[in-house]
Amino acid sequence: MTKRVEHDSGRRVTSARGWLGARAALATSVVALAAYHEARRLVIPSHLHFATNTAMIGVMSCIAVSASLDIDEIGLGRAKWLSGLRWGAAVAGVIGAVVALAGLLGVDPTNSMGERAAVGGREMLFQVFIEIPIATVLFEELAFRGVIASLLERLTSPRRALLVSSLLFGAWHVSPSSFTSWSGVGGELSTLAATAVAGVGFHLLKRKSGSLVAPMLAHWGTNGVAFIVAWSIVRAVN
């Protein structure tokens, strides 16, 4: 597969031979994620979410191949791994420090300290070092910052690509079942806003470092490091 990339007034125009054009691949990505979001909510049992999320990594990879997204475009090129590690580790460290300080001051910034402290040590280790890195971080970063953001950058300006991919990331975390009361609507809108802002930050990390590794580490910091800190603090206090 060959590809030609040009820049026209801040907009990246890519000509590539692939099974799907950028618009078709983008539409396929959004439809696949929306369908899976609802299937997971309504049909797929929670104990299968790790397996089905992992399977979706394969789905998004197939879409990337079909649109001729190369490894550098997605952000997984080896030349930028070190840069991604530096930026991602720094942000993950800051997140861990903030969560630890908040926990020591009696603040629960994740709203889940009690829930996370309830799990045993083995379950905590499984979630922090296997489930979260694979089924959450790798899946969501590949989908939103790797495939969707890269396809949007082929079709529109970098700024619009950032905004649209971040809003889609926010929408991914919204549950329609909560829209049954005004308090539920408010809660879901807050979730949408918070995760969209996080999506902006993850996108900028990828852009700054040139690597998907950076937002992956930061994303793991938001989930995994926060989990470890919350679990440890609550256990220590009690």
C-alpha atoms as a PDB file:
ATOM      1  CA  MET A   1       0.000   0.000   0.000  1.00  0.00           C
ATOM      2  CA  THR A   2       1.324   3.427  -0.888  1.00  0.00           C
ATOM      3  CA  LYS A   3       0.474   6.722   0.683  1.00  0.00           C
ATOM      4  CA  ARG A   4       1.076  10.392  -0.029  1.00  0.00           C
ATOM      5  CA  VAL A   5       0.688  13.051   2.652  1.00  0.00           C
ATOM      6  CA  GLU A   6       0.434  16.790   1.972  1.00  0.00           C
ATOM      7  CA  HIS A   7      -0.376  19.749   4.174  1.00  0.00           C
ATOM      8  CA  ASP A   8      -2.805  22.392   2.947  1.00  0.00           C
ATOM      9  CA  SER A   9      -3.537  25.315   5.295  1.00  0.00           C
ATOM     10  CA  GLY A  10      -3.074  23.214   8.402  1.00  0.00           C
ATOM     11  CA  ARG A  11      -5.122  20.347   7.041  1.00  0.00           C
ATOM     12  CA  ARG A  12      -3.495  17.011   6.376  1.00  0.00           C
ATOM     13  CA  VAL A  13      -4.570  15.432   3.098  1.00  0.00           C
ATOM     14  CA  THR A  14      -3.689  11.784   2.661  1.00  0.00           C
ATOM     15  CA  SER A  15      -3.998   9.739  -0.451  1.00  0.00           C
ATOM     16  CA  ALA A  16      -3.728   6.026   0.223  1.00  0.00           C
ATOM     17  CA  ARG A  17      -4.697   2.763  -1.331  1.00  0.00           C
ATOM     18  CA  GLY A  18      -6.811   0.792   1.085  1.00  0.00           C
ATOM     19  CA  TRP A  19      -9.975  -1.209   1.239  1.00  0.00           C
ATOM     20  CA  LEU A  20     -11.770   1.724   2.853  1.00  0.00           C
ATOM     21  CA  GLY A  21     -11.408   5.438   2.326  1.00  0.00           C
ATOM     22  CA  ALA A  22     -10.945   7.679   5.340  1.00  0.00           C
ATOM     23  CA  ARG A  23     -14.629   8.671   5.534  1.00  0.00           C
ATOM     24  CA  ALA A  24     -15.863   5.097   5.277  1.00  0.00           C
ATOM     25  CA  ALA A  25     -13.288   3.907   7.822  1.00  0.00           C
ATOM     26  CA  LEU A  26     -14.260   6.711  10.219  1.00  0.00           C
ATOM     27  CA  ALA A  27     -17.960   5.898   9.881  1.00  0.00           C
ATOM     28  CA  THR A  28     -17.235   2.191  10.390  1.00  0.00           C
ATOM     29  CA  SER A  29     -15.215   2.975  13.526  1.00  0.00           C
ATOM     30  CA  VAL A  30     -17.938   5.137  15.077  1.00  0.00           C
ATOM     31  CA  VAL A  31     -20.720   2.673  14.246  1.00  0.00           C
ATOM     32  CA  ALA A  32     -18.717  -0.299  15.532  1.00  0.00           C
ATOM     33  CA  LEU A  33     -17.916   1.468  18.816  1.00  0.00           C
ATOM     34  CA  ALA A  34     -21.503   2.683  19.291  1.00  0.00           C
ATOM     35  CA  ALA A  35     -22.900  -0.801  18.611  1.00  0.00           C
ATOM     36  CA  TYR A  36     -20.405  -2.380  20.973  1.00  0.00           C
ATOM     37  CA  HIS A  37     -21.116   0.249  23.655  1.00  0.00           C
ATOM     38  CA  GLU A  38     -24.801  -0.711  23.660  1.00  0.00           C
ATOM     39  CA  ALA A  39     -24.160  -4.448  23.329  1.00  0.00           C
ATOM     40  CA  ARG A  40     -21.873  -4.324  26.336  1.00  0.00           C
ATOM     41  CA  ARG A  41     -24.447  -2.339  28.300  1.00  0.00           C
ATOM     42  CA  LEU A  42     -27.481  -4.430  27.389  1.00  0.00           C
ATOM     43  CA  VAL A  43     -26.378  -7.906  26.360  1.00  0.00           C
ATOM     44  CA  ILE A  44     -22.794  -8.818  27.210  1.00  0.00           C
ATOM     45  CA  PRO A  45     -22.320  -9.990  30.836  1.00  0.00           C
ATOM     46  CA  SER A  46     -19.837  -7.939  32.862  1.00  0.00           C
ATOM     47  CA  HIS A  47     -17.526 -10.908  33.408  1.00  0.00           C
ATOM     48  CA  LEU A  48     -16.971 -11.048  29.631  1.00  0.00           C
ATOM     49  CA  HIS A  49     -16.068  -7.376  29.216  1.00  0.00           C
ATOM     50  CA  PHE A  50     -12.332  -8.053  29.422  1.00  0.00           C
ATOM     51  CA  ALA A  51     -12.561 -10.583  26.592  1.00  0.00           C
ATOM     52  CA  THR A  52     -14.850  -8.491  24.397  1.00  0.00           C
ATOM     53  CA  ASN A  53     -12.880  -5.267  24.937  1.00  0.00           C
ATOM     54  CA  THR A  54      -9.748  -7.164  23.950  1.00  0.00           C
ATOM     55  CA  ALA A  55     -11.517  -8.471  20.849  1.00  0.00           C
ATOM     56  CA  MET A  56     -12.387  -4.879  19.919  1.00  0.00           C
ATOM     57  CA  ILE A  57      -8.647  -4.143  19.746  1.00  0.00           C
ATOM     58  CA  GLY A  58      -8.625  -6.540  16.811  1.00  0.00           C
ATOM     59  CA  VAL A  59     -11.632  -4.839  15.227  1.00  0.00           C
ATOM     60  CA  MET A  60     -10.027  -1.401  15.428  1.00  0.00           C
ATOM     61  CA  SER A  61      -6.751  -2.811  14.104  1.00  0.00           C
ATOM     62  CA  CYS A  62      -8.574  -4.240  11.086  1.00  0.00           C
ATOM     63  CA  ILE A  63     -10.158  -0.854  10.400  1.00  0.00           C
ATOM     64  CA  ALA A  64      -6.730   0.783  10.632  1.00  0.00           C
ATOM     65  CA  VAL A  65      -5.308  -1.695   8.112  1.00  0.00           C
ATOM     66  CA  SER A  66      -8.298  -1.263   5.804  1.00  0.00           C
ATOM     67  CA  ALA A  67      -7.703   2.503   5.705  1.00  0.00           C
ATOM     68  CA  SER A  68      -3.923   2.138   5.272  1.00  0.00           C
ATOM     69  CA  LEU A  69      -3.129   3.852   8.562  1.00  0.00           C
ATOM     70  CA  ASP A  70       0.537   3.107   9.109  1.00  0.00           C
ATOM     71  CA  ILE A  71       2.186   2.471  12.453  1.00  0.00           C
ATOM     72  CA  ASP A  72       3.662   5.990  12.683  1.00  0.00           C
ATOM     73  CA  GLU A  73       0.340   7.639  11.862  1.00  0.00           C
ATOM     74  CA  ILE A  74      -1.354   5.709  14.656  1.00  0.00           C
ATOM     75  CA  GLY A  75       1.474   6.647  17.004  1.00  0.00           C
ATOM     76  CA  LEU A  76       3.119   3.287  17.609  1.00  0.00           C
ATOM     77  CA  GLY A  77       6.300   3.801  15.581  1.00  0.00           C
ATOM     78  CA  ARG A  78       9.350   2.610  17.515  1.00  0.00           C
ATOM     79  CA  ALA A  79      11.285   5.806  16.837  1.00  0.00           C
ATOM     80  CA  LYS A  80       8.962   7.737  19.172  1.00  0.00           C
ATOM     81  CA  TRP A  81       8.581   5.185  21.957  1.00  0.00           C
ATOM     82  CA  LEU A  82      11.196   6.818  24.189  1.00  0.00           C
ATOM     83  CA  SER A  83       9.585  10.229  23.824  1.00  0.00           C
ATOM     84  CA  GLY A  84       6.207   8.673  24.621  1.00  0.00           C
ATOM     85  CA  LEU A  85       7.615   6.940  27.691  1.00  0.00           C
ATOM     86  CA  ARG A  86       9.109  10.165  29.027  1.00  0.00           C
ATOM     87  CA  TRP A  87       5.966  12.242  28.592  1.00  0.00           C
ATOM     88  CA  GLY A  88       3.568   9.522  29.689  1.00  0.00           C
ATOM     89  CA  ALA A  89       5.548   8.551  32.787  1.00  0.00           C
ATOM     90  CA  ALA A  90       5.789  12.188  33.868  1.00  0.00           C
ATOM     91  CA  VAL A  91       2.038  12.730  33.585  1.00  0.00           C
ATOM     92  CA  ALA A  92       1.204   9.392  35.241  1.00  0.00           C
ATOM     93  CA  GLY A  93       3.500  10.354  38.124  1.00  0.00           C
ATOM     94  CA  VAL A  94       1.770  13.699  38.585  1.00  0.00           C
ATOM     95  CA  ILE A  95      -1.638  12.023  38.552  1.00  0.00           C
ATOM     96  CA  GLY A  96      -0.513   9.510  41.172  1.00  0.00           C
ATOM     97  CA  ALA A  97       0.873  12.252  43.391  1.00  0.00           C
ATOM     98  CA  VAL A  98      -2.335  14.301  43.165  1.00  0.00           C
ATOM     99  CA  VAL A  99      -4.549  11.303  43.966  1.00  0.00           C
ATOM    100  CA  ALA A 100      -2.288  10.287  46.876  1.00  0.00           C
ATOM    101  CA  LEU A 101      -2.301  13.799  48.352  1.00  0.00           C
ATOM    102  CA  ALA A 102      -6.074  14.046  47.972  1.00  0.00           C
ATOM    103  CA  GLY A 103      -6.558  10.664  49.616  1.00  0.00           C
ATOM    104  CA  LEU A 104      -4.333  11.569  52.553  1.00  0.00           C
ATOM    105  CA  LEU A 105      -6.394  14.745  53.009  1.00  0.00           C
ATOM    106  CA  GLY A 106      -9.596  12.708  53.089  1.00  0.00           C
ATOM    107  CA  VAL A 107     -10.750  13.665  49.600  1.00  0.00           C
ATOM    108  CA  ASP A 108     -11.872  11.002  47.128  1.00  0.00           C
ATOM    109  CA  PRO A 109     -11.058  12.463  43.688  1.00  0.00           C
ATOM    110  CA  THR A 110     -12.050   9.234  41.936  1.00  0.00           C
ATOM    111  CA  ASN A 111     -15.357   8.778  43.822  1.00  0.00           C
ATOM    112  CA  SER A 112     -14.463   5.099  44.051  1.00  0.00           C
ATOM    113  CA  MET A 113     -12.005   4.629  46.901  1.00  0.00           C
ATOM    114  CA  GLY A 114     -14.390   2.504  48.943  1.00  0.00           C
ATOM    115  CA  GLU A 115     -15.299   0.342  45.957  1.00  0.00           C
ATOM    116  CA  ARG A 116     -11.653  -0.160  44.988  1.00  0.00           C
ATOM    117  CA  ALA A 117     -10.563  -0.934  48.547  1.00  0.00           C
ATOM    118  CA  ALA A 118     -13.173  -3.694  48.732  1.00  0.00           C
ATOM    119  CA  VAL A 119     -11.312  -5.938  46.277  1.00  0.00           C
ATOM    120  CA  GLY A 120      -8.601  -8.327  47.397  1.00  0.00           C
ATOM    121  CA  GLY A 121      -4.919  -7.986  46.634  1.00  0.00           C
ATOM    122  CA  ARG A 122      -4.911 -10.454  43.729  1.00  0.00           C
ATOM    123  CA  GLU A 123      -7.920  -8.807  42.125  1.00  0.00           C
ATOM    124  CA  MET A 124      -6.311  -5.389  42.520  1.00  0.00           C
ATOM    125  CA  LEU A 125      -3.116  -6.588  40.831  1.00  0.00           C
ATOM    126  CA  PHE A 126      -5.063  -8.229  37.995  1.00  0.00           C
ATOM    127  CA  GLN A 127      -7.073  -5.081  37.328  1.00  0.00           C
ATOM    128  CA  VAL A 128      -4.130  -2.687  37.610  1.00  0.00           C
ATOM    129  CA  PHE A 129      -1.573  -4.627  35.582  1.00  0.00           C
ATOM    130  CA  ILE A 130      -3.667  -6.680  33.134  1.00  0.00           C
ATOM    131  CA  GLU A 131      -7.291  -5.624  32.768  1.00  0.00           C
ATOM    132  CA  ILE A 132      -6.833  -1.847  32.834  1.00  0.00           C
ATOM    133  CA  PRO A 133      -3.728  -1.733  30.569  1.00  0.00           C
ATOM    134  CA  ILE A 134      -5.221  -4.066  27.944  1.00  0.00           C
ATOM    135  CA  ALA A 135      -9.014  -3.863  28.054  1.00  0.00           C
ATOM    136  CA  THR A 136      -9.242  -0.166  28.902  1.00  0.00           C
ATOM    137  CA  VAL A 137      -6.061   1.707  28.017  1.00  0.00           C
ATOM    138  CA  LEU A 138      -4.863  -0.100  24.894  1.00  0.00           C
ATOM    139  CA  PHE A 139      -8.372  -0.508  23.509  1.00  0.00           C
ATOM    140  CA  GLU A 140      -9.522   3.074  24.077  1.00  0.00           C
ATOM    141  CA  GLU A 141      -6.260   4.743  23.065  1.00  0.00           C
ATOM    142  CA  LEU A 142      -6.020   2.696  19.875  1.00  0.00           C
ATOM    143  CA  ALA A 143      -9.660   3.452  19.067  1.00  0.00           C
ATOM    144  CA  PHE A 144      -9.850   7.167  19.873  1.00  0.00           C
ATOM    145  CA  ARG A 145      -6.322   8.596  19.635  1.00  0.00           C
ATOM    146  CA  GLY A 146      -4.923   6.005  17.240  1.00  0.00           C
ATOM    147  CA  VAL A 147      -7.596   5.237  14.636  1.00  0.00           C
ATOM    148  CA  ILE A 148     -10.362   7.845  14.941  1.00  0.00           C
ATOM    149  CA  ALA A 149      -8.103  10.861  15.528  1.00  0.00           C
ATOM    150  CA  SER A 150      -5.791   9.837  12.672  1.00  0.00           C
ATOM    151  CA  LEU A 151      -8.696   9.392  10.277  1.00  0.00           C
ATOM    152  CA  LEU A 152     -10.129  12.769  11.302  1.00  0.00           C
ATOM    153  CA  GLU A 153      -6.737  14.388  10.681  1.00  0.00           C
ATOM    154  CA  ARG A 154      -6.899  13.075   7.118  1.00  0.00           C
ATOM    155  CA  LEU A 155     -10.288  14.690   6.649  1.00  0.00           C
ATOM    156  CA  THR A 156     -10.139  17.958   8.560  1.00  0.00           C
ATOM    157  CA  SER A 157      -7.869  20.314  10.506  1.00  0.00           C
ATOM    158  CA  PRO A 158      -5.840  19.120  13.520  1.00  0.00           C
ATOM    159  CA  ARG A 159      -7.937  21.305  15.832  1.00  0.00           C
ATOM    160  CA  ARG A 160     -11.224  19.828  14.650  1.00  0.00           C
ATOM    161  CA  ALA A 161      -9.769  16.335  14.813  1.00  0.00           C
ATOM    162  CA  LEU A 162      -8.834  16.961  18.444  1.00  0.00           C
ATOM    163  CA  LEU A 163     -12.276  18.314  19.373  1.00  0.00           C
ATOM    164  CA  VAL A 164     -14.330  15.658  17.569  1.00  0.00           C
ATOM    165  CA  SER A 165     -12.260  12.689  18.752  1.00  0.00           C
ATOM    166  CA  SER A 166     -12.349  14.028  22.330  1.00  0.00           C
ATOM    167  CA  LEU A 167     -16.131  14.489  22.242  1.00  0.00           C
ATOM    168  CA  LEU A 168     -16.513  10.950  20.920  1.00  0.00           C
ATOM    169  CA  PHE A 169     -14.292   9.738  23.746  1.00  0.00           C
ATOM    170  CA  GLY A 170     -16.533  11.564  26.209  1.00  0.00           C
ATOM    171  CA  ALA A 171     -19.662  10.079  24.653  1.00  0.00           C
ATOM    172  CA  TRP A 172     -18.124   6.608  24.986  1.00  0.00           C
ATOM    173  CA  HIS A 173     -18.302   7.007  28.782  1.00  0.00           C
ATOM    174  CA  VAL A 174     -21.961   8.088  28.874  1.00  0.00           C
ATOM    175  CA  SER A 175     -24.702   5.597  29.762  1.00  0.00           C
ATOM    176  CA  PRO A 176     -28.132   6.294  28.184  1.00  0.00           C
ATOM    177  CA  SER A 177     -29.801   4.347  30.995  1.00  0.00           C
ATOM    178  CA  SER A 178     -29.004   7.222  33.366  1.00  0.00           C
ATOM    179  CA  PHE A 179     -31.109   9.712  31.383  1.00  0.00           C
ATOM    180  CA  THR A 180     -34.221   8.913  33.419  1.00  0.00           C
ATOM    181  CA  SER A 181     -34.014  11.848  35.828  1.00  0.00           C
ATOM    182  CA  TRP A 182     -32.600  15.348  35.914  1.00  0.00           C
ATOM    183  CA  SER A 183     -29.949  14.242  38.402  1.00  0.00           C
ATOM    184  CA  GLY A 184     -29.002  11.398  36.070  1.00  0.00           C
ATOM    185  CA  VAL A 185     -28.767  13.766  33.121  1.00  0.00           C
ATOM    186  CA  GLY A 186     -26.576  16.127  35.133  1.00  0.00           C
ATOM    187  CA  GLY A 187     -24.310  13.301  36.185  1.00  0.00           C
ATOM    188  CA  GLU A 188     -23.868  12.009  32.646  1.00  0.00           C
ATOM    189  CA  LEU A 189     -23.205  15.500  31.278  1.00  0.00           C
ATOM    190  CA  SER A 190     -20.519  15.917  33.944  1.00  0.00           C
ATOM    191  CA  THR A 191     -19.023  12.594  32.893  1.00  0.00           C
ATOM    192  CA  LEU A 192     -19.121  13.642  29.247  1.00  0.00           C
ATOM    193  CA  ALA A 193     -17.375  16.930  30.012  1.00  0.00           C
ATOM    194  CA  ALA A 194     -14.719  15.385  32.268  1.00  0.00           C
ATOM    195  CA  THR A 195     -13.819  12.559  29.905  1.00  0.00           C
ATOM    196  CA  ALA A 196     -13.848  14.855  26.868  1.00  0.00           C
ATOM    197  CA  VAL A 197     -11.362  17.137  28.652  1.00  0.00           C
ATOM    198  CA  ALA A 198      -9.263  14.078  29.479  1.00  0.00           C
ATOM    199  CA  GLY A 199      -9.468  13.142  25.797  1.00  0.00           C
ATOM    200  CA  VAL A 200      -8.088  16.553  24.849  1.00  0.00           C
ATOM    201  CA  GLY A 201      -5.194  16.048  27.238  1.00  0.00           C
ATOM    202  CA  PHE A 202      -4.453  12.556  25.903  1.00  0.00           C
ATOM    203  CA  HIS A 203      -4.609  13.815  22.322  1.00  0.00           C
ATOM    204  CA  LEU A 204      -2.193  16.665  23.064  1.00  0.00           C
ATOM    205  CA  LEU A 205       0.183  14.209  24.725  1.00  0.00           C
ATOM    206  CA  LYS A 206       0.208  12.080  21.590  1.00  0.00           C
ATOM    207  CA  ARG A 207       0.796  15.152  19.438  1.00  0.00           C
ATOM    208  CA  LYS A 208       3.567  16.508  21.674  1.00  0.00           C
ATOM    209  CA  SER A 209       5.433  13.204  22.026  1.00  0.00           C
ATOM    210  CA  GLY A 210       4.600  11.798  18.599  1.00  0.00           C
ATOM    211  CA  SER A 211       3.670   8.528  20.266  1.00  0.00           C
ATOM    212  CA  LEU A 212       0.527   6.772  21.443  1.00  0.00           C
ATOM    213  CA  VAL A 213       2.637   5.461  24.334  1.00  0.00           C
ATOM    214  CA  ALA A 214       2.365   8.833  26.122  1.00  0.00           C
ATOM    215  CA  PRO A 215      -1.445   8.963  26.384  1.00  0.00           C
ATOM    216  CA  MET A 216      -1.482   5.238  27.142  1.00  0.00           C
ATOM    217  CA  LEU A 217       0.722   5.769  30.204  1.00  0.00           C
ATOM    218  CA  ALA A 218      -1.233   8.862  31.262  1.00  0.00           C
ATOM    219  CA  HIS A 219      -4.508   6.969  30.808  1.00  0.00           C
ATOM    220  CA  TRP A 220      -3.140   4.103  32.901  1.00  0.00           C
ATOM    221  CA  GLY A 221      -2.123   6.666  35.509  1.00  0.00           C
ATOM    222  CA  THR A 222      -5.679   7.991  35.602  1.00  0.00           C
ATOM    223  CA  ASN A 223      -7.047   4.477  36.140  1.00  0.00           C
ATOM    224  CA  GLY A 224      -4.301   2.152  37.341  1.00  0.00           C
ATOM    225  CA  VAL A 225      -2.192   4.443  39.524  1.00  0.00           C
ATOM    226  CA  ALA A 226      -5.346   5.963  41.013  1.00  0.00           C
ATOM    227  CA  PHE A 227      -6.575   2.428  41.758  1.00  0.00           C
ATOM    228  CA  ILE A 228      -3.344   1.482  43.565  1.00  0.00           C
ATOM    229  CA  VAL A 229      -3.287   4.707  45.557  1.00  0.00           C
ATOM    230  CA  ALA A 230      -6.972   4.488  46.534  1.00  0.00           C
ATOM    231  CA  TRP A 231      -6.654   0.817  47.496  1.00  0.00           C
ATOM    232  CA  SER A 232      -3.515   1.405  49.545  1.00  0.00           C
ATOM    233  CA  ILE A 233      -4.743   4.516  51.363  1.00  0.00           C
ATOM    234  CA  VAL A 234      -8.085   3.046  52.376  1.00  0.00           C
ATOM    235  CA  ARG A 235      -6.435  -0.193  53.518  1.00  0.00           C
ATOM    236  CA  ALA A 236      -3.835   1.734  55.509  1.00  0.00           C
ATOM    237  CA  VAL A 237      -6.397   3.992  57.177  1.00  0.00           C
ATOM    238  CA  ASN A 238      -8.713   1.129  58.083  1.00  0.00           C
END
